[in-house]
C-alpha atoms as a PDB file:
ATOM      1  CA  MET A   1    -122.952  12.425 -48.846  1.00  0.00           C
ATOM      2  CA  PRO A   2    -121.876  15.571 -50.512  1.00  0.00           C
ATOM      3  CA  GLU A   3    -121.127  15.387 -54.177  1.00  0.00           C
ATOM      4  CA  SER A   4    -117.724  17.049 -54.171  1.00  0.00           C
ATOM      5  CA  GLU A   5    -115.472  15.152 -51.887  1.00  0.00           C
ATOM      6  CA  GLU A   6    -111.935  16.422 -51.642  1.00  0.00           C
ATOM      7  CA  PRO A   7    -109.278  14.106 -50.442  1.00  0.00           C
ATOM      8  CA  VAL A   8    -108.280  14.771 -46.890  1.00  0.00           C
ATOM      9  CA  THR A   9    -104.601  15.549 -46.550  1.00  0.00           C
ATOM     10  CA  THR A  10    -102.517  15.103 -43.455  1.00  0.00           C
ATOM     11  CA  PRO A  11     -99.254  16.891 -42.839  1.00  0.00           C
ATOM     12  CA  GLY A  12     -96.353  15.225 -44.643  1.00  0.00           C
ATOM     13  CA  ARG A  13     -98.631  13.427 -47.090  1.00  0.00           C
ATOM     14  CA  ALA A  14     -99.464  14.537 -50.608  1.00  0.00           C
ATOM     15  CA  ALA A  15    -103.062  14.752 -51.677  1.00  0.00           C
ATOM     16  CA  GLY A  16    -104.255  11.642 -53.420  1.00  0.00           C
ATOM     17  CA  SER A  17    -101.471   9.405 -52.144  1.00  0.00           C
ATOM     18  CA  SER A  18    -102.399   6.149 -50.650  1.00  0.00           C
ATOM     19  CA  GLU A  19    -101.197   4.770 -47.331  1.00  0.00           C
ATOM     20  CA  ALA A  20     -99.067   2.133 -49.084  1.00  0.00           C
ATOM     21  CA  GLU A  21     -97.294   4.748 -51.188  1.00  0.00           C
ATOM     22  CA  HIS A  22     -96.579   6.877 -48.124  1.00  0.00           C
ATOM     23  CA  THR A  23     -95.137   4.039 -46.099  1.00  0.00           C
ATOM     24  CA  SER A  24     -93.000   2.857 -49.027  1.00  0.00           C
ATOM     25  CA  ARG A  25     -91.564   6.350 -49.576  1.00  0.00           C
ATOM     26  CA  GLY A  26     -91.096   6.953 -45.844  1.00  0.00           C
ATOM     27  CA  GLY A  27     -89.537   3.547 -45.450  1.00  0.00           C
ATOM     28  CA  ALA A  28     -87.083   4.265 -48.258  1.00  0.00           C
ATOM     29  CA  LEU A  29     -86.246   7.576 -46.651  1.00  0.00           C
ATOM     30  CA  HIS A  30     -85.817   5.825 -43.324  1.00  0.00           C
ATOM     31  CA  GLU A  31     -83.560   3.226 -44.985  1.00  0.00           C
ATOM     32  CA  GLN A  32     -81.455   5.984 -46.565  1.00  0.00           C
ATOM     33  CA  ARG A  33     -81.072   7.692 -43.194  1.00  0.00           C
ATOM     34  CA  SER A  34     -80.250   4.380 -41.580  1.00  0.00           C
ATOM     35  CA  VAL A  35     -77.581   3.590 -44.173  1.00  0.00           C
ATOM     36  CA  SER A  36     -76.196   7.111 -43.828  1.00  0.00           C
ATOM     37  CA  ASP A  37     -76.133   6.763 -40.039  1.00  0.00           C
ATOM     38  CA  GLN A  38     -74.413   3.389 -40.331  1.00  0.00           C
ATOM     39  CA  ALA A  39     -71.848   4.807 -42.743  1.00  0.00           C
ATOM     40  CA  SER A  40     -71.061   7.724 -40.450  1.00  0.00           C
ATOM     41  CA  ALA A  41     -70.840   5.385 -37.451  1.00  0.00           C
ATOM     42  CA  LEU A  42     -68.512   3.111 -39.412  1.00  0.00           C
ATOM     43  CA  ALA A  43     -66.390   6.082 -40.485  1.00  0.00           C
ATOM     44  CA  GLY A  44     -66.193   7.272 -36.871  1.00  0.00           C
ATOM     45  CA  GLU A  45     -65.179   3.826 -35.656  1.00  0.00           C
ATOM     46  CA  LEU A  46     -62.585   3.512 -38.425  1.00  0.00           C
ATOM     47  CA  SER A  47     -61.106   6.917 -37.629  1.00  0.00           C
ATOM     48  CA  ASP A  48     -60.992   5.997 -33.929  1.00  0.00           C
ATOM     49  CA  ARG A  49     -59.088   2.820 -34.795  1.00  0.00           C
ATOM     50  CA  VAL A  50     -56.627   4.750 -36.968  1.00  0.00           C
ATOM     51  CA  VAL A  51     -56.060   7.285 -34.179  1.00  0.00           C
ATOM     52  CA  ASP A  52     -55.546   4.465 -31.671  1.00  0.00           C
ATOM     53  CA  ALA A  53     -53.091   2.723 -34.009  1.00  0.00           C
ATOM     54  CA  VAL A  54     -51.092   5.921 -34.518  1.00  0.00           C
ATOM     55  CA  ALA A  55     -51.031   6.523 -30.753  1.00  0.00           C
ATOM     56  CA  TRP A  56     -49.856   2.944 -30.169  1.00  0.00           C
ATOM     57  CA  VAL A  57     -47.040   3.253 -32.716  1.00  0.00           C
ATOM     58  CA  ARG A  58     -46.055   6.634 -31.259  1.00  0.00           C
ATOM     59  CA  ALA A  59     -45.980   5.202 -27.746  1.00  0.00           C
ATOM     60  CA  ARG A  60     -43.815   2.291 -28.886  1.00  0.00           C
ATOM     61  CA  THR A  61     -41.337   4.365 -30.894  1.00  0.00           C
ATOM     62  CA  THR A  62     -41.250   8.118 -30.512  1.00  0.00           C
ATOM     63  CA  VAL A  63     -41.883   8.316 -26.777  1.00  0.00           C
ATOM     64  CA  ARG A  64     -39.122   5.802 -26.015  1.00  0.00           C
ATOM     65  CA  VAL A  65     -36.641   7.425 -28.388  1.00  0.00           C
ATOM     66  CA  VAL A  66     -37.315  10.846 -26.878  1.00  0.00           C
ATOM     67  CA  ALA A  67     -36.856   9.443 -23.366  1.00  0.00           C
ATOM     68  CA  VAL A  68     -33.551   7.781 -24.299  1.00  0.00           C
ATOM     69  CA  MET A  69     -32.251  10.892 -26.048  1.00  0.00           C
ATOM     70  CA  ARG A  70     -33.303  13.067 -23.101  1.00  0.00           C
ATOM     71  CA  ALA A  71     -31.441  10.749 -20.717  1.00  0.00           C
ATOM     72  CA  LEU A  72     -28.328  10.850 -22.932  1.00  0.00           C
ATOM     73  CA  VAL A  73     -28.336  14.636 -23.193  1.00  0.00           C
ATOM     74  CA  TYR A  74     -28.958  15.193 -19.478  1.00  0.00           C
ATOM     75  CA  GLY A  75     -26.324  12.579 -18.643  1.00  0.00           C
ATOM     76  CA  PHE A  76     -23.790  14.304 -20.884  1.00  0.00           C
ATOM     77  CA  VAL A  77     -24.556  17.701 -19.319  1.00  0.00           C
ATOM     78  CA  ALA A  78     -24.222  16.195 -15.831  1.00  0.00           C
ATOM     79  CA  LEU A  79     -20.914  14.541 -16.803  1.00  0.00           C
ATOM     80  CA  VAL A  80     -19.501  17.824 -18.097  1.00  0.00           C
ATOM     81  CA  ALA A  81     -20.660  19.597 -14.933  1.00  0.00           C
ATOM     82  CA  LEU A  82     -19.084  16.915 -12.712  1.00  0.00           C
ATOM     83  CA  ILE A  83     -15.778  17.038 -14.578  1.00  0.00           C
ATOM     84  CA  THR A  84     -15.745  20.825 -14.295  1.00  0.00           C
ATOM     85  CA  ALA A  85     -16.542  20.630 -10.579  1.00  0.00           C
ATOM     86  CA  ALA A  86     -13.786  18.038 -10.051  1.00  0.00           C
ATOM     87  CA  VAL A  87     -11.173  20.184 -11.811  1.00  0.00           C
ATOM     88  CA  LEU A  88     -12.223  23.276  -9.850  1.00  0.00           C
ATOM     89  CA  ALA A  89     -12.199  21.295  -6.580  1.00  0.00           C
ATOM     90  CA  ALA A  90      -8.697  19.988  -7.291  1.00  0.00           C
ATOM     91  CA  ALA A  91      -7.459  23.497  -8.069  1.00  0.00           C
ATOM     92  CA  GLY A  92      -9.167  24.748  -4.897  1.00  0.00           C
ATOM     93  CA  VAL A  93      -7.577  22.073  -2.720  1.00  0.00           C
ATOM     94  CA  VAL A  94      -4.131  22.817  -4.111  1.00  0.00           C
ATOM     95  CA  ARG A  95      -4.706  26.561  -3.610  1.00  0.00           C
ATOM     96  CA  ILE A  96      -5.904  26.035  -0.024  1.00  0.00           C
ATOM     97  CA  TRP A  97      -2.848  23.828   0.621  1.00  0.00           C
ATOM     98  CA  ASP A  98      -0.557  26.489  -0.827  1.00  0.00           C
ATOM     99  CA  VAL A  99      -2.061  29.287   1.255  1.00  0.00           C
ATOM    100  CA  TYR A 100      -2.752  27.645   4.627  1.00  0.00           C
ATOM    101  CA  VAL A 101      -0.198  24.829   5.134  1.00  0.00           C
ATOM    102  CA  PRO A 102       2.870  26.199   6.925  1.00  0.00           C
ATOM    103  CA  VAL A 103       5.693  24.514   4.994  1.00  0.00           C
ATOM    104  CA  HIS A 104       9.025  26.328   4.581  1.00  0.00           C
ATOM    105  CA  PRO A 105      10.637  27.242   2.227  1.00  0.00           C
ATOM    106  CA  VAL A 106       7.635  28.741   0.375  1.00  0.00           C
ATOM    107  CA  GLY A 107       8.555  27.255  -3.031  1.00  0.00           C
ATOM    108  CA  THR A 108       8.131  23.690  -1.791  1.00  0.00           C
ATOM    109  CA  ARG A 109       4.539  24.112  -0.665  1.00  0.00           C
ATOM    110  CA  VAL A 110       2.967  23.885  -4.139  1.00  0.00           C
ATOM    111  CA  TRP A 111       4.692  20.739  -5.357  1.00  0.00           C
ATOM    112  CA  LEU A 112       4.236  19.139  -1.926  1.00  0.00           C
ATOM    113  CA  GLY A 113       0.499  19.893  -2.271  1.00  0.00           C
ATOM    114  CA  TYR A 114       0.455  18.203  -5.657  1.00  0.00           C
ATOM    115  CA  VAL A 115       2.221  15.148  -4.216  1.00  0.00           C
ATOM    116  CA  VAL A 116      -0.123  14.863  -1.228  1.00  0.00           C
ATOM    117  CA  PHE A 117      -3.297  15.493  -3.215  1.00  0.00           C
ATOM    118  CA  GLY A 118      -2.126  13.166  -6.014  1.00  0.00           C
ATOM    119  CA  GLY A 119      -1.281  10.489  -3.456  1.00  0.00           C
ATOM    120  CA  VAL A 120      -4.757  10.733  -1.898  1.00  0.00           C
ATOM    121  CA  LEU A 121      -6.378  10.451  -5.323  1.00  0.00           C
ATOM    122  CA  PHE A 122      -4.080   7.545  -6.225  1.00  0.00           C
ATOM    123  CA  VAL A 123      -5.029   5.608  -3.081  1.00  0.00           C
ATOM    124  CA  PHE A 124      -8.740   6.332  -3.657  1.00  0.00           C
ATOM    125  CA  GLY A 125      -8.516   5.170  -7.299  1.00  0.00           C
ATOM    126  CA  ALA A 126      -6.591   2.024  -6.332  1.00  0.00           C
ATOM    127  CA  TRP A 127      -9.246   1.240  -3.727  1.00  0.00           C
ATOM    128  CA  LEU A 128     -11.995   1.651  -6.342  1.00  0.00           C
ATOM    129  CA  LEU A 129     -10.183  -0.605  -8.817  1.00  0.00           C
ATOM    130  CA  MET A 130      -9.541  -3.431  -6.353  1.00  0.00           C
ATOM    131  CA  PRO A 131     -11.342  -6.554  -7.509  1.00  0.00           C
ATOM    132  CA  ARG A 132     -14.225  -7.538  -5.292  1.00  0.00           C
ATOM    133  CA  ARG A 133     -14.580 -11.182  -4.426  1.00  0.00           C
ATOM    134  CA  ALA A 134     -17.947 -12.804  -4.140  1.00  0.00           C
ATOM    135  CA  LYS A 135     -18.731 -14.349  -0.781  1.00  0.00           C
ATOM    136  CA  ARG A 136     -18.974 -18.106  -0.983  1.00  0.00           C
END
Protein backbone atom coordinates (compact mmCIF):
# COMPACT_ATOMS: atom_id res chain seq x y z
CA MET A 1 0.00 0.00 0.00
CA PRO A 2 1.20 3.45 -0.69
CA GLU A 3 2.37 5.47 2.24
CA SER A 4 0.35 8.62 1.64
CA GLU A 5 -3.26 7.72 1.54
CA GLU A 6 -5.65 10.59 1.04
CA PRO A 7 -9.21 10.16 2.07
CA VAL A 8 -11.50 9.58 -0.84
CA THR A 9 -14.23 12.17 -1.06
CA THR A 10 -17.56 11.74 -2.74
CA PRO A 11 -19.72 14.61 -3.90
CA GLY A 12 -21.72 16.13 -1.05
CA ARG A 13 -19.42 14.69 1.61
CA ALA A 14 -16.60 16.51 3.35
CA ALA A 15 -13.18 14.94 3.47
CA GLY A 16 -12.58 13.00 6.63
CA SER A 17 -16.23 12.67 7.57
CA SER A 18 -17.50 9.31 8.48
CA GLU A 19 -20.62 7.64 7.12
CA ALA A 20 -22.41 8.04 10.47
CA GLU A 21 -21.74 11.77 10.55
CA HIS A 22 -23.01 12.18 7.00
CA THR A 23 -26.23 10.30 7.59
CA SER A 24 -26.89 12.18 10.84
CA ARG A 25 -26.39 15.57 9.15
CA GLY A 26 -28.38 14.54 6.07
CA GLY A 27 -31.10 13.11 8.26
CA ALA A 28 -31.33 16.35 10.21
CA LEU A 29 -31.52 18.27 6.96
CA HIS A 30 -34.18 15.88 5.73
CA GLU A 31 -36.10 16.33 9.00
CA GLN A 32 -35.90 20.12 8.65
CA ARG A 33 -37.22 19.92 5.10
CA SER A 34 -39.93 17.54 6.22
CA VAL A 35 -41.02 19.85 9.04
CA SER A 36 -40.92 22.81 6.66
CA ASP A 37 -42.99 20.89 4.11
CA GLN A 38 -45.48 19.89 6.80
CA ALA A 39 -45.73 23.48 8.02
CA SER A 40 -46.37 24.80 4.52
CA ALA A 41 -48.93 22.05 3.89
CA LEU A 42 -50.63 22.90 7.18
CA ALA A 43 -50.61 26.60 6.32
CA GLY A 44 -52.11 25.84 2.90
CA GLU A 45 -54.82 23.68 4.42
CA LEU A 46 -55.58 26.32 7.05
CA SER A 47 -55.83 29.06 4.44
CA ASP A 48 -58.11 26.84 2.33
CA ARG A 49 -60.38 26.35 5.35
CA VAL A 50 -60.47 30.09 6.04
CA VAL A 51 -61.33 30.80 2.39
CA ASP A 52 -64.06 28.15 2.48
CA ALA A 53 -65.47 29.59 5.71
CA VAL A 54 -65.55 33.11 4.27
CA ALA A 55 -67.24 31.81 1.11
CA TRP A 56 -69.82 29.95 3.21
CA VAL A 57 -70.62 33.03 5.30
CA ARG A 58 -70.82 35.15 2.14
CA ALA A 59 -73.18 32.67 0.50
CA ARG A 60 -75.41 32.63 3.58
CA THR A 61 -75.54 36.40 4.06
CA THR A 62 -74.37 38.70 1.31
CA VAL A 63 -75.66 36.74 -1.67
CA ARG A 64 -79.15 36.45 -0.16
CA VAL A 65 -79.27 40.10 0.88
CA VAL A 66 -78.19 41.21 -2.59
CA ALA A 67 -80.83 38.97 -4.19
CA VAL A 68 -83.58 40.35 -1.92
CA MET A 69 -82.53 43.95 -2.49
CA ARG A 70 -82.34 43.37 -6.25
CA ALA A 71 -85.87 41.91 -6.21
CA LEU A 72 -87.15 44.89 -4.18
CA VAL A 73 -85.56 47.45 -6.49
CA TYR A 74 -86.71 45.74 -9.69
CA GLY A 75 -90.18 45.27 -8.19
CA PHE A 76 -90.38 48.96 -7.31
CA VAL A 77 -89.26 49.97 -10.81
CA ALA A 78 -91.83 47.61 -12.34
CA LEU A 79 -94.56 49.00 -10.05
CA VAL A 80 -93.76 52.58 -11.05
CA ALA A 81 -93.75 51.57 -14.73
CA LEU A 82 -97.11 49.78 -14.36
CA ILE A 83 -98.71 52.73 -12.58
CA THR A 84 -97.42 55.07 -15.29
CA ALA A 85 -98.73 52.76 -18.01
CA ALA A 86 -102.13 52.53 -16.29
CA VAL A 87 -102.46 56.31 -16.02
CA LEU A 88 -101.44 56.77 -19.66
CA ALA A 89 -103.84 54.01 -20.76
CA ALA A 90 -106.71 55.63 -18.86
CA ALA A 91 -105.95 59.01 -20.42
CA GLY A 92 -105.72 57.33 -23.83
CA VAL A 93 -109.06 55.57 -23.44
CA VAL A 94 -110.77 58.79 -22.40
CA ARG A 95 -109.14 60.63 -25.33
CA ILE A 96 -110.19 57.92 -27.80
CA TRP A 97 -113.73 58.06 -26.37
CA ASP A 98 -113.78 61.85 -26.72
CA VAL A 99 -112.57 61.78 -30.32
CA TYR A 100 -114.34 58.76 -31.83
CA VAL A 101 -117.66 58.26 -29.97
CA PRO A 102 -120.41 60.20 -31.74
CA VAL A 103 -122.30 61.72 -28.79
CA HIS A 104 -123.99 65.12 -29.20
CA PRO A 105 -123.72 67.77 -27.83
CA VAL A 106 -119.89 67.75 -27.89
CA GLY A 107 -119.48 68.91 -24.27
CA THR A 108 -121.13 65.78 -22.89
CA ARG A 109 -118.73 63.35 -24.52
CA VAL A 110 -115.87 63.83 -22.04
CA TRP A 111 -117.81 63.40 -18.82
CA LEU A 112 -119.77 60.52 -20.36
CA GLY A 113 -116.41 58.89 -21.15
CA TYR A 114 -115.33 59.32 -17.55
CA VAL A 115 -118.60 57.76 -16.33
CA VAL A 116 -118.37 54.78 -18.69
CA PHE A 117 -114.67 54.16 -18.11
CA GLY A 118 -115.08 54.65 -14.34
CA GLY A 119 -118.03 52.26 -14.33
CA VAL A 120 -116.01 49.58 -16.15
CA LEU A 121 -113.15 49.98 -13.68
CA PHE A 122 -115.60 49.92 -10.76
CA VAL A 123 -117.17 46.65 -11.94
CA PHE A 124 -113.72 45.11 -12.53
CA GLY A 125 -112.52 46.16 -9.05
CA ALA A 126 -115.71 44.86 -7.41
CA TRP A 127 -115.24 41.54 -9.20
CA LEU A 128 -111.64 41.33 -7.94
CA LEU A 129 -112.68 42.11 -4.37
CA MET A 130 -115.49 39.54 -4.22
CA PRO A 131 -114.71 36.95 -1.57
CA ARG A 132 -113.94 33.54 -2.98
CA ARG A 133 -115.49 30.57 -1.27
CA ALA A 134 -113.64 27.34 -0.90
CA LYS A 135 -115.29 24.33 -2.47
CA ARG A 136 -116.44 21.84 0.12
